[in-house]
Amino acid sequence: MGDNYIQVDVGIIGCGPSGLVTLKELLAEGHRCTVFEKSNLLGGLFTQAYQQGILVSSHLLTMFSDFVGKDKEILNKPRMLSFIEYSQYLNDYADYFHLKEFIQFQTEVKSLWKDYSDNKWKICVNNFNHIYSFDRIAICCGIFENASIPLFHNQHLFQGKIKHLKDIQFYEDFHNKHICIVGSGESASDMILAAAQYGKQAFLSIRKDHGFIIPRYIHGNRDEPADLDTSRAHHSIPRAWGVLHTYIDMIHSLIKSYFNSFFYQNEDQLDEYNLIRRTGIYMNLKQIQTSNIWTTFGTKNSNLVEALVKYKDKCSRKSGIKELKRNSIIFDDNSEEYVDEIICCTGFQILFPFLEQNSQSNFEMKRLANDAKISHNLFKHCFHPDFGDEIIWIGFARPALGAIPPLSELQARWFALLCSKKLKLPTKLEMNKQIYNYVKYLKWQLTSYRIDRLTNLTDYLIYSDNLARTIGCRPDLTRIFFQEPNLWIKLMCGSLLNAQYRLTGPHAKRKQAKEIILQARWIKQSNILYLIMLICYAFFWFVFGIESCKPASWYPL
């Protein structure tokens, strides 16, 4: 393998999508790995969540760059996989790349610390009966592990049940109950529709703005996933023009919806979908000054709109919860409603008990754990400047629009190259400087309110391209434009497939990547429109130097 070949021992905590892809990329670089998974299954969250759950990103956007899966038609007929189907995809991925032999199931990491006597990281598992020693550590336990439940005023008086999303396994549990769903994210959207369908009465409590509502499918059926619009052309639109772009996007969608309603008047199902779609558009437009497409997280699931429209007789939107009484809720608008159960779709806490709460923990490890809870204060959401490339957090960056697994794959590729000394991190001073500038940018784009509350939030394309530049795998779009125009148009106007980052750079698989990109379905009309808009912005940037027209992701932050 050459004179400069370096092999290290890496301990990986967690075997969801992030842990699996980290294992695969480290093995590809020749490193020795052990994965610790506390359950008896691989797949993380997707093996534990509510069984009727469906992903909110299509398989095109969610899949890893070099593995489509067993369904070969899915490139041309993309859809959202169910949680069960995605778990199977991860199992197929593990089988294809021979990963399972490196995974220790039913092995919970109890303690992690650095032993300075031999400069190794130590992991103690289960009943503290064995200690493992590693050169590097990858923490891949994800952001969906520890439920975050708000404390309501007078909560002790409430005689009903207060649950978290994680406690829900089957929608039928809502049968004949008065349910209040707290939150407006994608899971809350699933929950409120289920509560409206199965329950006696349903309330959706939203404290401030909801996320930017995007349906799973463009036409309400399983024909075209809405994230086929998540293209490079679309996501290169300058962020400073978010309000204008949102107006253009929403008006364009409204025109299409009314057009469909006019020409397909006898198709009741389609007409109902168009009504739901238009209601969601008007909800987005109502809060456009505070939450446009680029300044908030996406709720890539319009079930909450469907619940409010289709079940309007027994489902209603409410303000934040002011206080609880024995059998009811008083909301901020002083209205009062009888409720049997409160379901909190209020996110998760980021905790690392194996660093914080164990006999080996010292002040340094506790400080490391506390600092890592604020994900954007790590270098590129991955590295603590004080510890360099010895320990990494993978899968903790959450895109406002897009999917987490492709970001995890890029993080894993970067880490594997760092372990091999093929790449190196900047100095501690430079990392801290970049972290400061990065957080400053995020607060400008996504607002301080959201970034301070959701510290793992990021911009999908800007972050992906940023990592790809670091790795050396961002495609040369200028060269491709002149030499392979058919590939270029798919890269610009097709979905943001992670296969684009396999066209060049370390561990490139150009032939396979090109086949995936060219075969993948794409939406021509809207994405060609985005491309024309992008060219107009670029013209004003190049010719007149108008900073606000500078295309996003074309340049490093």
Protein backbone atom coordinates (compact mmCIF):
# COMPACT_ATOMS: atom_id res chain seq x y z
CA MET A 1 0.00 0.00 0.00
CA GLY A 2 3.03 2.27 -0.16
CA ASP A 3 5.57 3.63 2.31
CA ASN A 4 3.25 6.38 3.57
CA TYR A 5 0.38 4.04 4.35
CA ILE A 6 -1.10 4.75 7.79
CA GLN A 7 -3.51 2.46 9.63
CA VAL A 8 -5.27 3.44 12.84
CA ASP A 9 -7.77 1.81 15.22
CA VAL A 10 -11.12 3.58 15.24
CA GLY A 11 -14.01 3.12 17.65
CA ILE A 12 -17.43 4.03 16.23
CA ILE A 13 -20.36 4.68 18.57
CA GLY A 14 -23.75 3.99 16.97
CA CYS A 15 -24.87 1.97 13.97
CA GLY A 16 -27.51 4.07 12.27
CA PRO A 17 -26.90 5.49 8.78
CA SER A 18 -24.04 7.69 10.04
CA GLY A 19 -22.24 4.87 11.85
CA LEU A 20 -22.60 2.51 8.88
CA VAL A 21 -21.25 4.93 6.30
CA THR A 22 -18.41 5.94 8.63
CA LEU A 23 -17.42 2.29 9.00
CA LYS A 24 -17.54 1.77 5.23
CA GLU A 25 -15.39 4.81 4.43
CA LEU A 26 -12.80 4.02 7.11
CA LEU A 27 -12.50 0.43 5.86
CA ALA A 28 -12.04 1.76 2.33
CA GLU A 29 -8.99 3.65 3.63
CA GLY A 30 -7.66 0.47 5.29
CA HIS A 31 -8.29 1.36 8.93
CA ARG A 32 -9.25 -1.10 11.69
CA CYS A 33 -12.73 -0.43 13.06
CA THR A 34 -15.13 -1.58 15.75
CA VAL A 35 -18.73 -0.36 15.88
CA PHE A 36 -20.66 -0.38 19.17
CA GLU A 37 -24.45 -0.61 18.81
CA LYS A 38 -26.56 -0.86 21.95
CA SER A 39 -29.57 -2.45 20.20
CA ASN A 40 -29.70 -5.79 18.40
CA LEU A 41 -30.42 -4.13 15.04
CA LEU A 42 -28.65 -1.74 12.72
CA GLY A 43 -30.53 1.28 11.47
CA GLY A 44 -30.74 3.50 14.55
CA LEU A 45 -33.87 5.66 14.77
CA PHE A 46 -35.57 3.94 11.83
CA THR A 47 -35.94 0.66 13.72
CA GLN A 48 -37.55 2.36 16.72
CA ALA A 49 -39.86 5.07 15.32
CA TYR A 50 -43.59 4.85 14.66
CA GLN A 51 -44.17 1.98 12.24
CA GLN A 52 -46.34 3.89 9.75
CA GLY A 53 -43.56 6.46 9.34
CA ILE A 54 -42.39 7.53 5.89
CA LEU A 55 -39.25 9.49 5.06
CA VAL A 56 -39.64 13.14 4.05
CA SER A 57 -36.85 13.01 1.46
CA SER A 58 -36.95 10.82 -1.63
CA HIS A 59 -34.56 7.92 -2.07
CA LEU A 60 -32.67 9.93 -4.71
CA LEU A 61 -31.76 12.54 -2.13
CA THR A 62 -31.32 10.18 0.84
CA MET A 63 -29.31 7.31 -0.64
CA PHE A 64 -25.55 7.05 -0.32
CA SER A 65 -23.44 8.00 -3.33
CA ASP A 66 -22.34 4.52 -4.43
CA PHE A 67 -25.27 2.29 -3.49
CA VAL A 68 -28.72 2.63 -5.04
CA GLY A 69 -30.14 -0.49 -3.41
CA LYS A 70 -31.96 -3.50 -4.79
CA ASP A 71 -34.82 -1.55 -6.39
CA LYS A 72 -33.16 -0.59 -9.68
CA GLU A 73 -36.28 1.20 -10.95
CA ILE A 74 -36.18 3.71 -8.11
CA LEU A 75 -33.86 6.05 -10.03
CA ASN A 76 -36.50 6.53 -12.72
CA LYS A 77 -39.49 6.14 -10.38
CA PRO A 78 -38.31 7.80 -7.17
CA ARG A 79 -40.39 7.74 -4.01
CA MET A 80 -40.17 8.20 -0.26
CA LEU A 81 -39.31 4.95 1.50
CA SER A 82 -41.09 3.88 4.64
CA PHE A 83 -38.99 3.62 7.80
CA ILE A 84 -39.12 -0.18 7.44
CA GLU A 85 -37.95 -0.01 3.80
CA TYR A 86 -35.11 2.36 4.69
CA SER A 87 -33.99 0.04 7.49
CA GLN A 88 -33.84 -2.73 4.87
CA TYR A 89 -31.81 -0.47 2.58
CA LEU A 90 -29.28 0.01 5.37
CA ASN A 91 -29.11 -3.75 5.93
CA ASP A 92 -28.55 -4.29 2.20
CA TYR A 93 -25.83 -1.61 2.27
CA ALA A 94 -24.11 -3.39 5.17
CA ASP A 95 -24.28 -6.73 3.34
CA TYR A 96 -23.03 -5.31 0.04
CA PHE A 97 -19.94 -3.73 1.62
CA HIS A 98 -19.41 -6.60 4.15
CA LEU A 99 -19.79 -4.38 7.21
CA LYS A 100 -21.66 -6.53 9.73
CA GLU A 101 -18.62 -8.47 10.94
CA PHE A 102 -17.25 -5.23 12.42
CA ILE A 103 -20.39 -4.43 14.44
CA GLN A 104 -20.85 -5.44 18.07
CA PHE A 105 -24.60 -5.50 18.74
CA GLN A 106 -26.19 -5.15 22.18
CA THR A 107 -23.05 -3.35 23.30
CA GLU A 108 -23.73 -0.02 24.98
CA VAL A 109 -20.87 2.42 25.47
CA LYS A 110 -20.89 3.41 29.12
CA SER A 111 -17.72 5.44 29.28
CA LEU A 112 -15.36 7.23 26.88
CA TRP A 113 -12.21 9.06 27.91
CA LYS A 114 -8.70 9.86 26.78
CA ASP A 115 -5.86 8.10 28.59
CA TYR A 116 -2.86 10.41 28.36
CA SER A 117 -0.49 7.72 29.65
CA ASP A 118 -0.55 6.03 26.23
CA ASN A 119 -2.34 8.81 24.29
CA LYS A 120 -5.24 6.48 23.45
CA TRP A 121 -9.00 6.80 23.70
CA LYS A 122 -10.64 4.22 25.95
CA ILE A 123 -14.15 2.83 25.66
CA CYS A 124 -15.84 0.85 28.42
CA VAL A 125 -18.99 -1.07 27.49
CA ASN A 126 -22.04 -2.70 29.12
CA ASN A 127 -21.22 -3.66 32.71
CA PHE A 128 -17.76 -2.09 32.61
CA ASN A 129 -16.33 -5.57 32.09
CA HIS A 130 -14.14 -4.71 29.13
CA ILE A 131 -12.04 -1.72 28.06
CA TYR A 132 -11.20 -1.09 24.40
CA SER A 133 -8.36 1.13 23.21
CA PHE A 134 -8.46 3.29 20.05
CA ASP A 135 -6.45 5.93 18.21
CA ARG A 136 -9.54 7.72 16.92
CA ILE A 137 -13.21 7.95 17.91
CA ALA A 138 -16.28 8.60 15.74
CA ILE A 139 -19.47 9.52 17.63
CA CYS A 140 -22.40 8.58 15.36
CA CYS A 141 -25.25 8.15 17.85
CA GLY A 142 -27.26 10.87 16.11
CA ILE A 143 -29.50 13.73 17.11
CA PHE A 144 -32.66 11.68 17.71
CA GLU A 145 -31.66 9.76 20.82
CA ASN A 146 -32.79 11.81 23.83
CA ALA A 147 -36.33 13.18 23.88
CA SER A 148 -36.85 16.86 24.71
CA ILE A 149 -40.16 17.48 26.50
CA PRO A 150 -41.10 21.01 27.57
CA LEU A 151 -42.20 21.71 31.12
CA PHE A 152 -45.67 23.28 31.04
CA HIS A 153 -47.03 25.66 33.64
CA ASN A 154 -49.14 23.74 36.21
CA GLN A 155 -48.16 20.46 34.60
CA HIS A 156 -48.58 18.67 37.93
CA LEU A 157 -52.33 19.35 37.80
CA PHE A 158 -52.87 17.62 34.46
CA GLN A 159 -54.53 14.19 34.82
CA GLY A 160 -54.05 13.17 31.19
CA LYS A 161 -50.90 11.78 29.61
CA ILE A 162 -47.94 13.75 28.28
CA LYS A 163 -45.91 11.79 25.75
CA HIS A 164 -43.06 12.38 23.37
CA LEU A 165 -43.08 11.44 19.71
CA LYS A 166 -40.73 8.56 20.56
CA ASP A 167 -43.47 6.97 22.67
CA ILE A 168 -45.81 6.59 19.69
CA GLN A 169 -45.64 3.31 17.79
CA PHE A 170 -49.03 3.04 16.07
CA TYR A 171 -51.49 5.72 14.99
CA GLU A 172 -54.36 3.57 16.23
CA ASP A 173 -53.30 4.57 19.76
CA PHE A 174 -55.15 7.86 19.15
CA HIS A 175 -58.51 6.13 18.71
CA ASN A 176 -61.43 8.04 20.25
CA LYS A 177 -59.18 10.47 22.17
CA HIS A 178 -58.83 14.24 22.38
CA ILE A 179 -55.24 14.85 21.30
CA CYS A 180 -53.04 17.95 21.31
CA ILE A 181 -49.93 17.84 19.13
CA VAL A 182 -47.19 20.31 20.10
CA GLY A 183 -44.83 21.37 17.31
CA SER A 184 -44.85 22.04 13.58
CA GLY A 185 -42.04 19.89 12.21
CA GLU A 186 -42.30 16.88 9.95
CA SER A 187 -43.15 14.39 12.67
CA ALA A 188 -45.75 16.75 14.15
CA SER A 189 -47.27 16.92 10.68
CA ASP A 190 -47.63 13.12 10.63
CA MET A 191 -49.00 13.08 14.17
CA ILE A 192 -51.69 15.74 13.69
CA LEU A 193 -53.07 13.98 10.61
CA ALA A 194 -53.14 10.66 12.47
CA ALA A 195 -54.82 12.33 15.48
CA ALA A 196 -57.42 13.88 13.17
CA GLN A 197 -58.07 10.57 11.41
CA TYR A 198 -58.23 8.32 14.47
CA GLY A 199 -59.04 10.68 17.35
CA LYS A 200 -62.24 12.34 18.47
CA GLN A 201 -60.72 15.85 18.49
CA ALA A 202 -57.27 17.11 17.45
CA PHE A 203 -55.42 20.35 18.21
CA LEU A 204 -52.13 21.53 16.73
CA SER A 205 -50.26 23.89 19.05
CA ILE A 206 -47.69 26.08 17.25
CA ARG A 207 -45.88 28.68 19.33
CA LYS A 208 -44.59 30.93 16.52
CA ASP A 209 -44.02 30.28 12.81
CA HIS A 210 -44.33 26.81 11.35
CA GLY A 211 -41.62 25.44 9.08
CA PHE A 212 -41.71 26.14 5.35
CA ILE A 213 -44.36 23.66 4.20
CA ILE A 214 -43.48 21.44 1.25
CA PRO A 215 -45.59 18.40 0.30
CA ARG A 216 -43.93 15.00 0.05
CA TYR A 217 -45.24 14.63 -3.50
CA ILE A 218 -45.85 17.35 -6.07
CA HIS A 219 -49.18 16.05 -7.34
CA GLY A 220 -50.39 14.40 -4.15
CA ASN A 221 -49.78 10.90 -5.49
CA ARG A 222 -46.57 8.86 -5.54
CA ASP A 223 -45.57 10.11 -8.97
CA GLU A 224 -43.09 12.92 -8.35
CA PRO A 225 -41.43 13.59 -4.97
CA ALA A 226 -41.36 17.32 -4.27
CA ASP A 227 -37.64 17.26 -3.49
CA LEU A 228 -36.89 16.66 -7.17
CA ASP A 229 -36.87 20.48 -7.03
CA THR A 230 -33.90 20.28 -4.64
CA SER A 231 -31.48 20.95 -7.48
CA ARG A 232 -28.16 22.78 -7.72
CA ALA A 233 -29.80 25.50 -9.84
CA HIS A 234 -32.52 26.02 -7.24
CA HIS A 235 -30.24 25.94 -4.20
CA SER A 236 -27.70 28.26 -5.79
CA ILE A 237 -30.25 31.11 -5.81
CA PRO A 238 -28.73 33.91 -3.67
CA ARG A 239 -30.00 33.73 -0.10
CA ALA A 240 -30.36 37.52 0.16
CA TRP A 241 -33.31 37.34 -2.25
CA GLY A 242 -35.24 34.81 -0.19
CA VAL A 243 -38.48 36.83 0.06
CA LEU A 244 -38.61 37.55 -3.69
CA HIS A 245 -37.71 33.96 -4.55
CA THR A 246 -40.39 32.62 -2.20
CA TYR A 247 -43.01 34.85 -3.79
CA ILE A 248 -41.99 33.69 -7.28
CA ASP A 249 -41.92 30.04 -6.21
CA MET A 250 -45.24 30.16 -4.40
CA ILE A 251 -47.06 32.14 -7.13
CA HIS A 252 -45.72 29.69 -9.72
CA SER A 253 -47.07 26.81 -7.62
CA LEU A 254 -50.42 28.57 -7.17
CA ILE A 255 -50.82 29.06 -10.92
CA LYS A 256 -50.09 25.37 -11.54
CA SER A 257 -52.56 24.36 -8.82
CA TYR A 258 -55.40 26.51 -10.22
CA PHE A 259 -54.53 25.32 -13.72
CA ASN A 260 -54.84 21.70 -12.61
CA SER A 261 -58.13 22.38 -10.84
CA PHE A 262 -59.57 24.03 -13.96
CA PHE A 263 -58.61 21.29 -16.41
CA TYR A 264 -59.25 18.30 -14.12
CA GLN A 265 -62.48 19.37 -12.47
CA ASN A 266 -64.01 15.88 -12.39
CA GLU A 267 -61.12 14.26 -10.50
CA ASP A 268 -62.17 14.71 -6.87
CA GLN A 269 -58.96 13.33 -5.37
CA LEU A 270 -56.79 15.69 -7.42
CA ASP A 271 -59.08 18.64 -6.66
CA GLU A 272 -58.85 17.92 -2.93
CA TYR A 273 -55.07 17.75 -3.19
CA ASN A 274 -54.96 21.10 -5.02
CA LEU A 275 -57.04 22.70 -2.26
CA ILE A 276 -54.62 21.33 0.37
CA ARG A 277 -51.64 22.49 -1.70
CA ARG A 278 -53.03 26.02 -2.07
CA THR A 279 -53.80 26.23 1.64
CA GLY A 280 -50.19 25.30 2.41
CA ILE A 281 -48.95 27.95 -0.02
CA TYR A 282 -51.08 30.64 1.62
CA MET A 283 -49.80 29.53 5.04
CA ASN A 284 -46.22 29.98 3.77
CA LEU A 285 -47.01 33.39 2.27
CA LYS A 286 -48.65 34.59 5.49
CA GLN A 287 -45.34 34.36 7.37
CA ILE A 288 -43.01 35.21 4.47
CA GLN A 289 -41.44 38.26 6.14
CA THR A 290 -40.18 36.20 9.09
CA SER A 291 -39.89 32.73 7.52
CA ASN A 292 -39.14 32.39 3.82
CA ILE A 293 -37.71 29.37 2.01
CA TRP A 294 -34.09 30.21 2.93
CA THR A 295 -34.55 31.50 6.48
CA THR A 296 -36.29 28.58 8.18
CA PHE A 297 -36.28 24.81 8.30
CA GLY A 298 -38.43 22.94 5.83
CA THR A 299 -41.48 20.98 6.96
CA LYS A 300 -41.23 18.58 4.04
CA ASN A 301 -44.60 17.06 4.81
CA SER A 302 -47.95 18.79 4.26
CA ASN A 303 -49.97 16.39 6.42
CA LEU A 304 -50.62 19.19 8.89
CA VAL A 305 -52.34 21.16 6.11
CA GLU A 306 -54.33 18.09 5.08
CA ALA A 307 -55.46 17.62 8.69
CA LEU A 308 -56.62 21.25 8.96
CA VAL A 309 -58.43 21.18 5.60
CA LYS A 310 -59.81 17.65 5.34
CA TYR A 311 -60.78 17.28 9.01
CA LYS A 312 -61.63 20.91 9.77
CA ASP A 313 -64.68 19.90 11.81
CA LYS A 314 -62.54 18.20 14.44
CA CYS A 315 -59.01 19.54 13.88
CA SER A 316 -57.84 23.09 14.56
CA ARG A 317 -54.65 25.10 14.95
CA LYS A 318 -53.90 26.63 18.33
CA SER A 319 -51.31 29.02 19.72
CA GLY A 320 -48.70 28.03 22.29
CA ILE A 321 -49.69 26.35 25.57
CA LYS A 322 -50.13 28.86 28.40
CA GLU A 323 -50.93 26.41 31.20
CA LEU A 324 -52.49 23.06 31.99
CA LYS A 325 -55.52 22.30 34.13
CA ARG A 326 -56.85 18.99 35.40
CA ASN A 327 -58.32 17.80 32.08
CA SER A 328 -57.69 20.71 29.74
CA ILE A 329 -55.23 23.12 28.15
CA ILE A 330 -55.36 26.90 28.23
CA PHE A 331 -53.63 28.31 25.16
CA ASP A 332 -51.91 31.68 24.75
CA ASP A 333 -55.06 33.14 23.19
CA ASN A 334 -56.90 32.15 26.43
CA SER A 335 -59.03 29.53 24.69
CA GLU A 336 -59.50 26.30 26.66
CA GLU A 337 -59.86 22.77 25.27
CA TYR A 338 -60.49 19.37 26.86
CA VAL A 339 -57.56 17.01 26.14
CA ASP A 340 -56.76 13.38 26.98
CA GLU A 341 -53.16 13.34 25.72
CA ILE A 342 -50.46 15.83 24.79
CA ILE A 343 -47.94 14.56 22.21
CA CYS A 344 -44.75 16.60 22.22
CA CYS A 345 -43.07 16.71 18.80
CA THR A 346 -40.54 19.07 20.30
CA GLY A 347 -37.27 17.60 19.14
CA PHE A 348 -34.43 15.99 20.99
CA GLN A 349 -31.69 16.92 23.40
CA ILE A 350 -28.12 16.32 22.33
CA LEU A 351 -26.47 14.46 25.22
CA PHE A 352 -23.34 12.38 25.56
CA PRO A 353 -23.68 10.53 28.89
CA PHE A 354 -20.70 8.30 28.12
CA LEU A 355 -18.53 11.44 28.24
CA GLU A 356 -20.33 13.21 31.07
CA GLN A 357 -21.65 10.74 33.61
CA ASN A 358 -19.12 8.05 34.39
CA SER A 359 -16.42 7.32 36.90
CA GLN A 360 -13.63 8.05 34.42
CA SER A 361 -14.93 11.48 33.43
CA ASN A 362 -12.81 14.46 34.31
CA PHE A 363 -13.38 18.13 33.74
CA GLU A 364 -11.88 17.97 30.25
CA MET A 365 -14.26 15.24 29.04
CA LYS A 366 -17.27 17.02 30.54
CA ARG A 367 -16.23 20.24 28.84
CA LEU A 368 -15.84 18.36 25.55
CA ALA A 369 -19.37 16.93 25.90
CA ASN A 370 -20.89 20.31 26.77
CA ASP A 371 -19.15 22.08 23.88
CA ALA A 372 -20.25 19.37 21.42
CA LYS A 373 -23.91 19.86 22.35
CA ILE A 374 -23.78 23.13 20.40
CA SER A 375 -23.10 21.48 17.07
CA HIS A 376 -22.27 24.59 15.05
CA ASN A 377 -19.49 25.45 17.53
CA LEU A 378 -17.60 22.41 16.28
CA PHE A 379 -15.46 22.86 13.17
CA LYS A 380 -17.85 22.07 10.30
CA HIS A 381 -20.15 20.43 12.89
CA CYS A 382 -17.50 17.73 13.32
CA PHE A 383 -14.32 18.58 15.25
CA HIS A 384 -13.53 20.28 18.54
CA PRO A 385 -10.54 22.56 17.90
CA ASP A 386 -8.83 21.43 21.14
CA PHE A 387 -8.83 17.75 20.12
CA GLY A 388 -8.19 17.97 16.39
CA ASP A 389 -8.96 14.86 14.34
CA GLU A 390 -8.80 12.47 17.30
CA ILE A 391 -12.56 12.57 17.82
CA ILE A 392 -15.34 13.44 15.38
CA TRP A 393 -19.11 13.90 15.51
CA ILE A 394 -20.76 12.50 12.38
CA GLY A 395 -24.45 12.94 11.55
CA PHE A 396 -25.06 15.96 13.77
CA ALA A 397 -25.53 18.53 10.98
CA ARG A 398 -29.23 18.92 10.12
CA PRO A 399 -30.00 20.56 6.76
CA ALA A 400 -32.90 23.01 6.66
CA LEU A 401 -33.85 21.36 3.36
CA GLY A 402 -32.35 18.04 2.28
CA ALA A 403 -31.34 14.85 4.11
CA ILE A 404 -28.84 13.99 6.84
CA PRO A 405 -27.31 10.71 5.49
CA PRO A 406 -25.58 12.33 2.46
CA LEU A 407 -23.97 14.88 4.77
CA SER A 408 -22.83 12.06 7.06
CA GLU A 409 -21.23 10.32 4.09
CA LEU A 410 -19.18 13.41 3.19
CA GLN A 411 -18.16 13.83 6.83
CA ALA A 412 -17.10 10.16 6.95
CA ARG A 413 -15.04 10.45 3.76
CA TRP A 414 -13.29 13.51 5.19
CA PHE A 415 -12.56 11.76 8.49
CA ALA A 416 -11.19 8.65 6.77
CA LEU A 417 -8.73 10.79 4.77
CA LEU A 418 -7.70 12.66 7.92
CA CYS A 419 -7.02 9.35 9.68
CA SER A 420 -4.78 8.37 6.75
CA LYS A 421 -2.94 11.72 6.92
CA LYS A 422 -3.94 12.42 3.32
CA LEU A 423 -5.62 15.57 4.57
CA LYS A 424 -5.05 17.66 7.66
CA LEU A 425 -7.09 20.10 9.69
CA PRO A 426 -6.27 23.80 9.91
CA THR A 427 -4.60 25.14 13.04
CA LYS A 428 -6.68 25.60 16.17
CA LEU A 429 -6.63 29.38 15.65
CA GLU A 430 -7.83 29.04 12.04
CA MET A 431 -10.56 26.56 13.00
CA ASN A 432 -11.91 28.92 15.68
CA LYS A 433 -11.87 31.76 13.16
CA GLN A 434 -13.80 29.71 10.60
CA ILE A 435 -16.31 28.57 13.25
CA TYR A 436 -16.98 32.21 14.18
CA ASN A 437 -17.52 33.24 10.56
CA TYR A 438 -19.68 30.19 9.86
CA VAL A 439 -22.01 30.82 12.81
CA LYS A 440 -22.19 34.50 11.86
CA TYR A 441 -23.28 33.48 8.36
CA LEU A 442 -25.87 31.00 9.66
CA LYS A 443 -27.40 33.66 11.90
CA TRP A 444 -27.64 35.98 8.91
CA GLN A 445 -29.34 33.38 6.71
CA LEU A 446 -31.40 31.30 9.17
CA THR A 447 -31.85 34.00 11.87
CA SER A 448 -30.37 34.08 15.37
CA TYR A 449 -33.65 32.79 16.84
CA ARG A 450 -33.43 29.51 14.92
CA ILE A 451 -29.66 29.04 15.09
CA ASP A 452 -29.56 29.59 18.85
CA ARG A 453 -32.41 27.10 19.29
CA LEU A 454 -31.43 24.53 16.63
CA THR A 455 -27.66 24.54 16.84
CA ASN A 456 -27.25 21.73 14.28
CA LEU A 457 -29.16 23.53 11.51
CA THR A 458 -27.27 24.22 8.28
CA ASP A 459 -27.75 24.95 4.58
CA TYR A 460 -27.72 21.73 2.55
CA LEU A 461 -25.89 22.69 -0.65
CA ILE A 462 -23.55 25.25 0.89
CA TYR A 463 -22.47 22.78 3.57
CA SER A 464 -22.15 19.84 1.12
CA ASP A 465 -20.05 21.82 -1.34
CA ASN A 466 -17.95 23.18 1.51
CA LEU A 467 -17.07 19.63 2.63
CA ALA A 468 -16.57 18.50 -0.98
CA ARG A 469 -14.03 21.28 -1.57
CA THR A 470 -12.17 20.17 1.56
CA ILE A 471 -12.13 16.55 0.38
CA GLY A 472 -11.36 17.47 -3.24
CA CYS A 473 -14.46 15.82 -4.71
CA ARG A 474 -16.61 18.76 -5.84
CA PRO A 475 -17.30 18.31 -9.57
CA ASP A 476 -15.66 20.77 -11.98
CA LEU A 477 -18.87 22.21 -13.39
CA THR A 478 -17.10 24.55 -15.82
CA ARG A 479 -15.20 21.70 -17.47
CA ILE A 480 -18.29 19.47 -17.51
CA PHE A 481 -20.32 22.27 -19.15
CA PHE A 482 -18.01 22.31 -22.19
CA GLN A 483 -17.14 18.60 -22.37
CA GLU A 484 -20.33 16.82 -21.20
CA PRO A 485 -23.31 19.18 -21.51
CA ASN A 486 -25.85 16.38 -20.97
CA LEU A 487 -24.22 15.56 -17.63
CA TRP A 488 -23.97 19.26 -16.75
CA ILE A 489 -27.68 19.91 -17.21
CA LYS A 490 -28.51 16.95 -14.94
CA LEU A 491 -26.02 18.18 -12.32
CA MET A 492 -27.59 21.64 -12.38
CA CYS A 493 -31.26 20.78 -12.76
CA GLY A 494 -31.54 17.27 -11.36
CA SER A 495 -31.82 16.35 -7.68
CA LEU A 496 -28.77 16.94 -5.51
CA LEU A 497 -27.60 13.34 -5.63
CA ASN A 498 -24.56 12.55 -3.54
CA ALA A 499 -23.28 10.60 -6.56
CA GLN A 500 -22.09 13.96 -7.93
CA TYR A 501 -19.28 13.81 -5.35
CA ARG A 502 -18.06 10.49 -6.78
CA LEU A 503 -17.26 11.94 -10.22
CA THR A 504 -13.83 13.06 -9.08
CA GLY A 505 -11.49 13.08 -6.09
CA PRO A 506 -10.52 10.35 -3.58
CA HIS A 507 -12.40 7.07 -4.05
CA ALA A 508 -14.11 8.39 -7.17
CA LYS A 509 -16.40 5.97 -9.02
CA ARG A 510 -16.95 8.07 -12.10
CA LYS A 511 -18.65 5.50 -14.34
CA GLN A 512 -21.15 4.41 -11.68
CA ALA A 513 -21.78 8.00 -10.53
CA LYS A 514 -22.40 9.21 -14.07
CA GLU A 515 -24.87 6.37 -14.72
CA ILE A 516 -26.79 7.18 -11.53
CA ILE A 517 -26.98 10.90 -12.35
CA LEU A 518 -28.06 10.40 -15.97
CA GLN A 519 -30.67 7.74 -15.10
CA ALA A 520 -32.24 9.67 -12.22
CA ARG A 521 -35.57 11.30 -12.92
CA TRP A 522 -35.70 15.08 -12.98
CA ILE A 523 -38.32 17.82 -13.31
CA LYS A 524 -37.55 19.99 -16.31
CA GLN A 525 -39.99 22.90 -16.15
CA SER A 526 -39.39 24.29 -12.67
CA ASN A 527 -35.66 23.55 -12.60
CA ILE A 528 -35.05 25.16 -16.01
CA LEU A 529 -36.87 28.21 -14.60
CA TYR A 530 -34.54 28.17 -11.57
CA LEU A 531 -31.54 27.91 -13.91
CA ILE A 532 -32.68 30.97 -15.88
CA MET A 533 -33.19 32.88 -12.63
CA LEU A 534 -29.73 31.83 -11.45
CA ILE A 535 -28.13 33.01 -14.71
CA CYS A 536 -29.82 36.41 -14.24
CA TYR A 537 -28.48 36.72 -10.69
CA ALA A 538 -25.01 35.62 -11.84
CA PHE A 539 -25.07 38.27 -14.60
CA PHE A 540 -25.67 41.06 -12.08
CA TRP A 541 -22.95 39.63 -9.84
CA PHE A 542 -20.30 39.29 -12.56
CA VAL A 543 -21.11 42.45 -14.53
CA PHE A 544 -22.13 44.92 -11.82
CA GLY A 545 -20.55 43.32 -8.75
CA ILE A 546 -23.82 43.33 -6.77
CA GLU A 547 -22.89 41.27 -3.72
CA SER A 548 -26.46 40.21 -2.94
CA CYS A 549 -26.67 38.54 -6.38
CA LYS A 550 -23.67 36.29 -5.72
CA PRO A 551 -24.84 32.69 -6.30
CA ALA A 552 -24.85 30.52 -3.18
CA SER A 553 -22.27 27.69 -3.02
CA TRP A 554 -20.27 28.94 -6.01
CA TYR A 555 -17.58 30.16 -3.65
CA PRO A 556 -16.38 29.00 -0.22
CA LEU A 557 -17.95 30.81 2.74
